[in-house]
Amino acid sequence: MMTPEECKRFQDTLGIGPRSYYVYALCTDSGPFYIGKGKGLRILNHQDVALLAEESVNSDDTLSPAEKQERIRAMSAKLQNLIVNKEKIDPVIIKWGLTEHEAFMCESSLINLLKFCKGKTIAELTNIVNGHASPVELANSADVKTKARPLPLFLTECAVSQKDISELRGKVVLIKINTTYPSCFSADGLPDDAKIRDCVSGTWKINHQQQREIQYVFALYRGRVVGIYHISRISAPLTEEFQRHHCLPDFPTFPEEDRRIDRMVAQYATVEQARLGLSAEDFETFSDALSQRVYPQSRRHKTPQEVLDAWRRRSYYVLDKDVPQEVMAFMNTLVTLNGDQSIFQCETPLQYRF
């Protein structure tokens, strides 16, 4: 069984996008006895069943006698035999970084092959290489890009590692994109770097005095670094940028609806100006955005104009990829602070400066 920390590393390595599926085998010393596909911690479910001895079921006081009998009957003959003989079961990741359709096809192919080879001696393959890696495998740091790995070896070679922010030379700001990251995937099912960059670009309440020494922005998804960027400049407040350029230069475009509202906020100094300058439909969107803006620290309800004024004082980051290798080493790691990762795990989109 994996520890909670290993489970998180495993799940974070597989990701959440369209290419988060994998194909696996459950093996004993005599070979594989089950081929499956899944995502998340699916690979552990069969192992749990295989290790579930009858006494464990019978000792469960939450189950009625009938339920206990049904649970025991539900075990396949093969799994029951493994339990009785106390055989060691090794879960093996065969292929990962797949779409659901690819996982179905891979699972079916392996089942077909193994059933065809039942009772036959399998000779050593003459293939020189292991075949093509999935895009997610190719993006991984493992030296061997595609091969079947027992779960412990997968955790060692492929799973994301932890890295402490205290190791970093230079000042960084870490921004959580927990709510927007699930939509930051391209058509091929891989994280879209441009969308991730736009998510952390702005708009933020930025103290320019405190930000002078900060060089880099880390995008965090549930504590994992999914993007690293260099700050080429920090904009003036939205209202000043728009007055100076009659637009917002280098302004992010994703998420599209949010950024469209940001441009409205920069353009109109008052709610009345927005009402006169926007279509009825756009003004309704604009008004809804102002009413939904939450200021937890405020002891009283803010008027729409006060919300607009505060929003217009926000700035945005202009980012590029001029990032040295020692900083890029934090990419795809679970970031910690003095060994503690809990500070970066909560759902709120807080910023952290170090």
Protein backbone atom coordinates (compact mmCIF):
# COMPACT_ATOMS: atom_id res chain seq x y z
CA MET A 1 0.00 0.00 0.00
CA MET A 2 1.10 3.54 -0.69
CA THR A 3 1.35 6.22 1.94
CA PRO A 4 -0.87 9.33 1.61
CA GLU A 5 2.19 11.29 0.41
CA GLU A 6 2.94 8.66 -2.26
CA CYS A 7 -0.71 8.63 -3.34
CA LYS A 8 -0.62 12.38 -3.89
CA ARG A 9 2.64 12.17 -5.85
CA PHE A 10 1.17 9.37 -7.97
CA GLN A 11 -2.04 11.24 -8.72
CA ASP A 12 -0.25 14.52 -9.42
CA THR A 13 2.06 12.75 -11.88
CA LEU A 14 -0.90 11.32 -13.80
CA GLY A 15 -2.60 14.72 -13.86
CA ILE A 16 -6.24 15.66 -14.35
CA GLY A 17 -6.55 16.37 -18.07
CA PRO A 18 -7.77 14.18 -20.94
CA ARG A 19 -4.44 12.29 -20.84
CA SER A 20 -4.72 11.14 -17.23
CA TYR A 21 -5.55 7.49 -17.98
CA TYR A 22 -3.22 4.51 -17.68
CA VAL A 23 -3.18 0.75 -18.25
CA TYR A 24 -1.91 -1.55 -15.53
CA ALA A 25 -1.42 -5.20 -14.63
CA LEU A 26 -1.71 -7.07 -11.35
CA CYS A 27 1.04 -9.69 -11.22
CA THR A 28 2.27 -12.53 -9.07
CA ASP A 29 5.53 -14.42 -9.44
CA SER A 30 3.86 -16.57 -12.09
CA GLY A 31 2.93 -13.53 -14.21
CA PRO A 32 -0.01 -11.15 -14.77
CA PHE A 33 -3.49 -12.28 -13.81
CA TYR A 34 -5.41 -9.07 -14.43
CA ILE A 35 -5.16 -6.21 -16.97
CA GLY A 36 -7.05 -3.02 -16.25
CA LYS A 37 -7.34 0.62 -17.16
CA GLY A 38 -8.18 3.60 -15.02
CA LYS A 39 -7.17 6.94 -13.59
CA GLY A 40 -6.30 8.22 -10.16
CA LEU A 41 -5.86 5.43 -7.61
CA ARG A 42 -7.80 2.83 -9.61
CA ILE A 43 -4.76 0.53 -9.64
CA LEU A 44 -5.05 0.08 -5.87
CA ASN A 45 -8.70 -1.00 -5.85
CA HIS A 46 -8.06 -4.52 -7.13
CA GLN A 47 -5.10 -4.83 -4.83
CA ASP A 48 -7.31 -3.91 -1.89
CA VAL A 49 -9.79 -6.61 -2.91
CA ALA A 50 -7.01 -9.16 -3.37
CA LEU A 51 -5.70 -8.49 0.10
CA LEU A 52 -9.13 -8.50 1.71
CA ALA A 53 -9.16 -11.77 3.64
CA GLU A 54 -12.46 -13.30 4.71
CA GLU A 55 -11.76 -12.53 8.34
CA SER A 56 -11.56 -8.84 7.50
CA VAL A 57 -15.04 -8.98 6.02
CA ASN A 58 -16.42 -11.02 8.91
CA SER A 59 -14.95 -8.63 11.46
CA ASP A 60 -16.69 -5.62 9.90
CA ASP A 61 -19.53 -4.84 12.33
CA THR A 62 -21.09 -2.36 9.90
CA LEU A 63 -22.13 -5.22 7.57
CA SER A 64 -25.06 -7.56 8.03
CA PRO A 65 -24.45 -11.34 7.74
CA ALA A 66 -26.01 -11.29 4.27
CA GLU A 67 -23.80 -8.39 3.18
CA LYS A 68 -20.72 -10.19 4.48
CA GLN A 69 -21.59 -13.31 2.48
CA GLU A 70 -22.20 -11.18 -0.62
CA ARG A 71 -18.85 -9.43 -0.24
CA ILE A 72 -17.03 -12.75 0.02
CA ARG A 73 -18.91 -14.26 -2.95
CA ALA A 74 -18.06 -11.18 -5.00
CA MET A 75 -14.37 -12.05 -4.93
CA SER A 76 -13.34 -13.87 -8.07
CA ALA A 77 -12.04 -17.42 -7.73
CA LYS A 78 -8.59 -16.23 -8.75
CA LEU A 79 -8.43 -13.47 -6.14
CA GLN A 80 -9.71 -15.79 -3.42
CA ASN A 81 -7.00 -18.28 -4.33
CA LEU A 82 -4.37 -15.55 -4.07
CA ILE A 83 -5.64 -14.57 -0.64
CA VAL A 84 -5.62 -18.14 0.66
CA ASN A 85 -2.09 -18.75 -0.60
CA LYS A 86 -0.97 -15.29 0.59
CA GLU A 87 0.73 -14.61 -2.72
CA LYS A 88 2.37 -11.25 -3.18
CA ILE A 89 0.57 -9.06 -5.72
CA ASP A 90 2.59 -6.47 -7.64
CA PRO A 91 0.72 -3.66 -9.43
CA VAL A 92 2.55 -2.64 -12.62
CA ILE A 93 2.02 0.53 -14.65
CA ILE A 94 2.27 -0.56 -18.30
CA LYS A 95 1.39 2.63 -20.17
CA TRP A 96 0.32 6.06 -18.95
CA GLY A 97 -0.46 9.54 -20.23
CA LEU A 98 -3.33 8.13 -22.33
CA THR A 99 -6.76 9.36 -23.30
CA GLU A 100 -9.65 7.17 -22.20
CA HIS A 101 -10.05 5.78 -25.73
CA GLU A 102 -6.33 4.99 -26.00
CA ALA A 103 -6.46 3.25 -22.62
CA PHE A 104 -9.43 1.13 -23.75
CA MET A 105 -7.54 0.07 -26.90
CA CYS A 106 -4.32 -0.66 -25.02
CA GLU A 107 -6.17 -2.68 -22.36
CA SER A 108 -8.04 -4.68 -25.00
CA SER A 109 -4.86 -5.39 -27.00
CA LEU A 110 -3.03 -6.70 -23.95
CA ILE A 111 -5.94 -8.90 -22.87
CA ASN A 112 -6.24 -10.30 -26.40
CA LEU A 113 -2.50 -11.02 -26.57
CA LEU A 114 -2.24 -12.65 -23.15
CA LYS A 115 -5.28 -14.84 -23.78
CA PHE A 116 -3.81 -15.87 -27.14
CA CYS A 117 -0.49 -16.73 -25.46
CA LYS A 118 -2.07 -18.69 -22.62
CA GLY A 119 -0.13 -21.91 -22.10
CA LYS A 120 2.54 -20.90 -24.60
CA THR A 121 6.14 -20.05 -23.92
CA ILE A 122 6.83 -16.38 -24.67
CA ALA A 123 10.21 -15.93 -26.33
CA GLU A 124 12.39 -12.88 -25.80
CA LEU A 125 11.19 -10.07 -28.03
CA THR A 126 13.40 -8.94 -30.90
CA ASN A 127 12.20 -5.32 -30.67
CA ILE A 128 15.15 -3.00 -30.15
CA VAL A 129 13.11 -0.22 -28.52
CA ASN A 130 10.02 -0.19 -26.34
CA GLY A 131 7.85 1.68 -28.82
CA HIS A 132 6.45 5.19 -28.79
CA ALA A 133 5.97 7.17 -25.60
CA SER A 134 2.78 9.10 -24.95
CA PRO A 135 3.10 12.91 -24.95
CA VAL A 136 2.85 12.89 -21.15
CA GLU A 137 5.60 10.28 -20.85
CA LEU A 138 7.80 12.34 -23.18
CA ALA A 139 7.29 15.38 -20.97
CA ASN A 140 8.31 13.41 -17.88
CA SER A 141 11.82 13.51 -16.45
CA ALA A 142 12.28 9.71 -16.34
CA ASP A 143 15.38 8.53 -18.23
CA VAL A 144 13.52 5.58 -19.76
CA LYS A 145 10.49 7.15 -21.39
CA THR A 146 8.23 4.15 -21.86
CA LYS A 147 8.34 0.78 -20.15
CA ALA A 148 6.27 -1.23 -17.69
CA ARG A 149 7.15 -0.31 -14.12
CA PRO A 150 6.11 -1.87 -10.80
CA LEU A 151 4.41 0.78 -8.70
CA PRO A 152 7.42 1.42 -6.39
CA LEU A 153 9.70 1.93 -9.42
CA PHE A 154 7.13 4.24 -11.02
CA LEU A 155 7.14 6.36 -7.86
CA THR A 156 10.95 6.45 -7.89
CA GLU A 157 11.51 7.15 -11.58
CA CYS A 158 8.45 9.04 -12.77
CA ALA A 159 6.41 10.49 -9.91
CA VAL A 160 6.72 14.14 -9.03
CA SER A 161 9.14 14.88 -6.21
CA GLN A 162 9.11 17.46 -3.45
CA LYS A 163 11.35 20.51 -3.54
CA ASP A 164 11.73 23.13 -0.84
CA ILE A 165 11.37 26.79 -1.76
CA SER A 166 14.23 27.61 0.61
CA GLU A 167 16.59 26.01 -1.94
CA LEU A 168 15.77 28.68 -4.50
CA ARG A 169 18.09 31.60 -5.06
CA GLY A 170 16.13 34.69 -5.98
CA LYS A 171 12.73 36.08 -5.09
CA VAL A 172 9.55 34.45 -6.40
CA VAL A 173 5.81 34.87 -6.12
CA LEU A 174 3.71 31.67 -6.08
CA ILE A 175 0.14 31.94 -7.35
CA LYS A 176 -2.49 29.22 -7.03
CA ILE A 177 -4.61 28.48 -10.10
CA ASN A 178 -6.63 25.64 -8.60
CA THR A 179 -9.94 26.77 -10.13
CA THR A 180 -8.69 27.62 -13.64
CA TYR A 181 -6.06 24.91 -14.24
CA PRO A 182 -8.58 22.17 -15.21
CA SER A 183 -9.47 24.25 -18.31
CA CYS A 184 -5.81 24.88 -19.26
CA PHE A 185 -5.44 21.97 -21.68
CA SER A 186 -4.82 22.04 -25.43
CA ALA A 187 -6.58 19.92 -28.05
CA ASP A 188 -3.99 17.12 -27.69
CA GLY A 189 -4.75 16.81 -23.99
CA LEU A 190 -1.57 18.45 -22.67
CA PRO A 191 -1.36 21.47 -20.34
CA ASP A 192 -1.34 24.67 -22.41
CA ASP A 193 1.59 26.78 -21.21
CA ALA A 194 0.18 29.99 -22.70
CA LYS A 195 -3.10 29.58 -20.80
CA ILE A 196 -1.28 28.81 -17.56
CA ARG A 197 0.89 31.89 -18.03
CA ASP A 198 -2.20 34.03 -18.63
CA CYS A 199 -3.80 32.71 -15.43
CA VAL A 200 -0.93 34.00 -13.28
CA SER A 201 -0.37 37.22 -15.25
CA GLY A 202 -3.10 39.20 -13.53
CA THR A 203 -4.98 41.07 -12.39
CA TRP A 204 -3.53 41.34 -8.88
CA LYS A 205 -3.36 43.79 -6.03
CA ILE A 206 0.37 44.48 -6.32
CA ASN A 207 2.53 46.53 -3.96
CA HIS A 208 5.19 47.77 -6.38
CA GLN A 209 7.58 48.62 -3.56
CA GLN A 210 7.51 45.06 -2.20
CA GLN A 211 7.67 43.52 -5.68
CA ARG A 212 10.88 45.19 -6.84
CA GLU A 213 13.14 42.23 -6.00
CA ILE A 214 10.78 39.52 -7.25
CA GLN A 215 12.01 37.92 -10.48
CA TYR A 216 9.83 34.88 -11.13
CA VAL A 217 6.24 33.67 -10.93
CA PHE A 218 5.35 30.06 -10.09
CA ALA A 219 1.91 28.75 -11.08
CA LEU A 220 0.67 26.24 -8.50
CA TYR A 221 -2.05 23.63 -8.89
CA ARG A 222 -2.80 21.97 -5.54
CA GLY A 223 0.78 22.53 -4.43
CA ARG A 224 2.43 21.34 -7.67
CA VAL A 225 4.39 23.76 -9.85
CA VAL A 226 2.74 23.70 -13.31
CA GLY A 227 4.37 26.83 -14.76
CA ILE A 228 7.43 29.01 -14.15
CA TYR A 229 7.90 32.45 -15.72
CA HIS A 230 10.22 35.43 -15.55
CA ILE A 231 8.73 38.84 -14.76
CA SER A 232 9.82 41.21 -17.53
CA ARG A 233 7.76 44.03 -16.06
CA ILE A 234 4.86 44.80 -13.75
CA SER A 235 2.21 47.03 -15.27
CA ALA A 236 0.98 50.26 -13.78
CA PRO A 237 -2.54 50.03 -12.31
CA LEU A 238 -5.16 49.20 -14.96
CA THR A 239 -6.51 52.70 -15.06
CA GLU A 240 -3.04 54.22 -15.72
CA GLU A 241 -2.13 51.63 -18.34
CA PHE A 242 -5.33 52.32 -20.25
CA GLN A 243 -5.01 56.11 -20.01
CA ARG A 244 -1.41 55.96 -21.22
CA HIS A 245 -1.83 53.52 -24.12
CA HIS A 246 -5.62 53.49 -24.78
CA CYS A 247 -5.33 49.73 -24.31
CA LEU A 248 -3.65 47.22 -22.00
CA PRO A 249 -0.35 46.25 -23.67
CA ASP A 250 0.79 42.63 -23.25
CA PHE A 251 -2.43 41.89 -21.38
CA PRO A 252 -3.36 38.19 -20.95
CA THR A 253 -6.26 36.77 -22.95
CA PHE A 254 -7.23 33.69 -20.89
CA PRO A 255 -9.71 33.06 -19.31
CA GLU A 256 -11.41 34.95 -22.13
CA GLU A 257 -14.52 36.14 -20.28
CA ASP A 258 -12.59 37.26 -17.19
CA ARG A 259 -10.08 39.20 -19.27
CA ARG A 260 -12.87 40.85 -21.26
CA ILE A 261 -14.33 42.17 -18.02
CA ASP A 262 -10.87 43.33 -16.89
CA ARG A 263 -10.65 45.44 -20.07
CA MET A 264 -14.06 46.96 -19.34
CA VAL A 265 -12.88 47.80 -15.83
CA ALA A 266 -9.77 49.51 -17.21
CA GLN A 267 -11.78 51.48 -19.77
CA TYR A 268 -14.59 52.89 -17.63
CA ALA A 269 -13.83 55.02 -14.58
CA THR A 270 -17.40 54.99 -13.27
CA VAL A 271 -20.34 52.64 -13.33
CA GLU A 272 -22.36 55.33 -15.09
CA GLN A 273 -19.76 55.63 -17.88
CA ALA A 274 -19.94 51.87 -18.35
CA ARG A 275 -23.75 51.97 -18.50
CA LEU A 276 -23.62 54.59 -21.25
CA GLY A 277 -20.73 53.04 -23.19
CA LEU A 278 -21.62 49.35 -23.13
CA SER A 279 -24.44 47.42 -24.72
CA ALA A 280 -27.22 46.34 -22.37
CA GLU A 281 -25.92 42.75 -22.42
CA ASP A 282 -22.30 43.77 -21.74
CA PHE A 283 -23.32 46.14 -18.97
CA GLU A 284 -25.25 43.35 -17.27
CA THR A 285 -22.12 41.17 -17.41
CA PHE A 286 -20.06 44.10 -16.09
CA SER A 287 -22.49 44.76 -13.22
CA ASP A 288 -22.68 41.09 -12.29
CA ALA A 289 -18.87 40.94 -12.07
CA LEU A 290 -18.81 43.92 -9.71
CA SER A 291 -21.52 42.47 -7.49
CA GLN A 292 -19.74 39.10 -7.29
CA ARG A 293 -16.41 40.58 -6.27
CA VAL A 294 -15.78 39.48 -2.70
CA TYR A 295 -13.74 41.39 -0.13
CA PRO A 296 -13.66 39.17 2.98
CA GLN A 297 -11.60 41.68 4.95
CA SER A 298 -14.22 44.41 4.52
CA ARG A 299 -16.58 44.93 7.45
CA ARG A 300 -19.27 46.51 5.29
CA HIS A 301 -20.75 45.90 1.88
CA LYS A 302 -18.93 47.88 -0.81
CA THR A 303 -20.87 49.81 -3.43
CA PRO A 304 -20.37 48.89 -7.11
CA GLN A 305 -18.32 52.07 -7.60
CA GLU A 306 -16.04 51.23 -4.67
CA VAL A 307 -15.51 47.75 -6.11
CA LEU A 308 -14.73 49.26 -9.52
CA ASP A 309 -12.25 51.73 -7.99
CA ALA A 310 -10.43 48.93 -6.16
CA TRP A 311 -10.37 46.73 -9.26
CA ARG A 312 -8.91 49.54 -11.39
CA ARG A 313 -6.00 49.84 -8.95
CA ARG A 314 -4.88 46.29 -9.75
CA SER A 315 -1.88 45.51 -11.96
CA TYR A 316 -0.73 42.56 -14.04
CA TYR A 317 2.52 40.74 -14.73
CA VAL A 318 4.15 40.75 -18.16
CA LEU A 319 5.94 37.41 -18.28
CA ASP A 320 8.47 35.60 -20.49
CA LYS A 321 10.38 32.30 -20.43
CA ASP A 322 13.79 33.74 -19.56
CA VAL A 323 14.16 31.32 -16.64
CA PRO A 324 17.52 29.76 -15.64
CA GLN A 325 17.83 26.00 -15.29
CA GLU A 326 18.21 26.05 -11.50
CA VAL A 327 14.80 27.76 -11.27
CA MET A 328 13.19 25.50 -13.89
CA ALA A 329 14.26 22.57 -11.69
CA PHE A 330 11.16 23.38 -9.59
CA MET A 331 8.86 22.59 -12.52
CA ASN A 332 6.48 19.68 -11.83
CA THR A 333 7.55 19.39 -8.19
CA LEU A 334 5.44 19.57 -5.06
CA VAL A 335 6.73 22.73 -3.47
CA THR A 336 7.30 22.83 0.28
CA LEU A 337 8.40 25.42 2.82
CA ASN A 338 10.91 24.04 5.33
CA GLY A 339 9.57 20.57 4.56
CA ASP A 340 5.90 21.56 5.03
CA GLN A 341 3.69 21.35 1.94
CA SER A 342 0.37 22.04 3.67
CA ILE A 343 0.73 25.81 3.25
CA PHE A 344 0.38 25.38 -0.53
CA GLN A 345 -2.47 22.86 -0.52
CA CYS A 346 -5.58 24.93 0.28
CA GLU A 347 -8.01 25.94 -2.46
CA THR A 348 -7.92 29.72 -2.12
CA PRO A 349 -6.06 31.64 -4.87
CA LEU A 350 -3.60 33.25 -2.46
CA GLN A 351 -0.25 34.67 -3.49
CA TYR A 352 2.93 33.79 -1.64
CA ARG A 353 6.12 35.85 -1.90
CA PHE A 354 9.52 34.41 -0.99
